[in-house]
Amino acid sequence: MTDIINGIISAIGSLVSGLLGLLPKTPFAWDMGNLGPYMGMINYFIPFNALAGIMAAYVAAVALWYVVRWALRFVRYIN
């Protein structure tokens, strides 16, 4: 019985390793191609770093709001 369970776990491990092997080494390594020299000029007009920070703060605030709302509804449900 334990051999069957070990075989199933080994097969799942091999499947997960195969699927993870298909992913790139890092999702943040982008190839800019010919756009690379112009990114400084584009960032002057559209500050992507600031936009990413603002978006991260907004998403965190909305997620916190949903968590608090869920917790308050749960407490109200218990009472």
Protein backbone atom coordinates (compact mmCIF):
# COMPACT_ATOMS: atom_id res chain seq x y z
CA MET A 1 0.00 0.00 0.00
CA THR A 2 2.79 2.41 0.87
CA ASP A 3 4.50 1.65 -2.45
CA ILE A 4 1.39 2.79 -4.31
CA ILE A 5 1.16 6.02 -2.30
CA ASN A 6 4.89 6.67 -2.79
CA GLY A 7 4.48 6.08 -6.53
CA ILE A 8 1.57 8.53 -6.72
CA ILE A 9 3.51 11.17 -4.77
CA SER A 10 6.54 10.62 -7.02
CA ALA A 11 4.38 10.98 -10.15
CA ILE A 12 2.82 14.20 -8.84
CA GLY A 13 6.30 15.51 -8.00
CA SER A 14 7.54 14.70 -11.49
CA LEU A 15 4.50 16.38 -13.03
CA VAL A 16 4.96 19.54 -10.96
CA SER A 17 8.69 19.61 -11.77
CA GLY A 18 7.91 19.28 -15.47
CA LEU A 19 5.36 22.09 -15.35
CA LEU A 20 7.72 24.36 -13.40
CA GLY A 21 10.47 23.57 -15.91
CA LEU A 22 8.34 25.17 -18.62
CA LEU A 23 8.32 28.52 -16.81
CA PRO A 24 11.03 31.10 -17.46
CA LYS A 25 13.77 31.63 -14.88
CA THR A 26 12.28 34.99 -13.87
CA PRO A 27 9.02 36.61 -14.97
CA PHE A 28 10.60 40.07 -14.67
CA ALA A 29 13.33 39.71 -17.32
CA TRP A 30 11.83 41.57 -20.25
CA ASP A 31 13.56 42.03 -23.57
CA MET A 32 13.13 45.65 -24.61
CA GLY A 33 14.58 45.06 -28.06
CA ASN A 34 15.09 48.33 -29.93
CA LEU A 35 13.05 50.25 -27.35
CA GLY A 36 15.80 50.14 -24.70
CA PRO A 37 17.59 53.41 -25.55
CA TYR A 38 14.29 55.32 -25.61
CA MET A 39 12.90 54.11 -22.28
CA GLY A 40 14.56 56.98 -20.39
CA MET A 41 12.77 59.49 -22.59
CA ILE A 42 9.45 57.65 -22.28
CA ASN A 43 9.82 57.48 -18.48
CA TYR A 44 10.28 61.25 -18.41
CA PHE A 45 6.71 61.72 -19.66
CA ILE A 46 5.09 58.60 -18.18
CA PRO A 47 6.72 57.66 -14.82
CA PHE A 48 6.19 53.91 -14.83
CA ASN A 49 7.97 53.40 -11.48
CA ALA A 50 5.67 55.87 -9.71
CA LEU A 51 2.62 54.37 -11.41
CA ALA A 52 3.64 50.88 -10.27
CA GLY A 53 4.07 52.07 -6.68
CA ILE A 54 0.72 53.84 -6.66
CA MET A 55 -0.99 50.80 -8.17
CA ALA A 56 0.57 48.50 -5.56
CA ALA A 57 -0.59 50.77 -2.73
CA TYR A 58 -4.10 50.95 -4.22
CA VAL A 59 -4.36 47.17 -4.61
CA ALA A 60 -3.12 46.67 -1.03
CA ALA A 61 -5.70 49.16 0.28
CA VAL A 62 -8.55 47.52 -1.62
CA ALA A 63 -7.46 44.06 -0.47
CA LEU A 64 -7.32 45.26 3.14
CA TRP A 65 -10.80 46.77 2.77
CA TYR A 66 -12.18 43.45 1.51
CA VAL A 67 -10.52 41.52 4.36
CA VAL A 68 -11.89 43.91 6.99
CA ARG A 69 -15.33 43.84 5.38
CA TRP A 70 -15.31 40.04 5.35
CA ALA A 71 -14.18 39.90 8.99
CA LEU A 72 -16.89 42.34 10.11
CA ARG A 73 -19.57 40.40 8.24
CA PHE A 74 -18.30 37.19 9.81
CA VAL A 75 -18.47 38.71 13.30
CA ARG A 76 -21.99 39.99 12.61
CA TYR A 77 -22.98 36.52 11.36
CA ILE A 78 -21.75 34.89 14.58
CA ASN A 79 -23.72 37.25 16.80
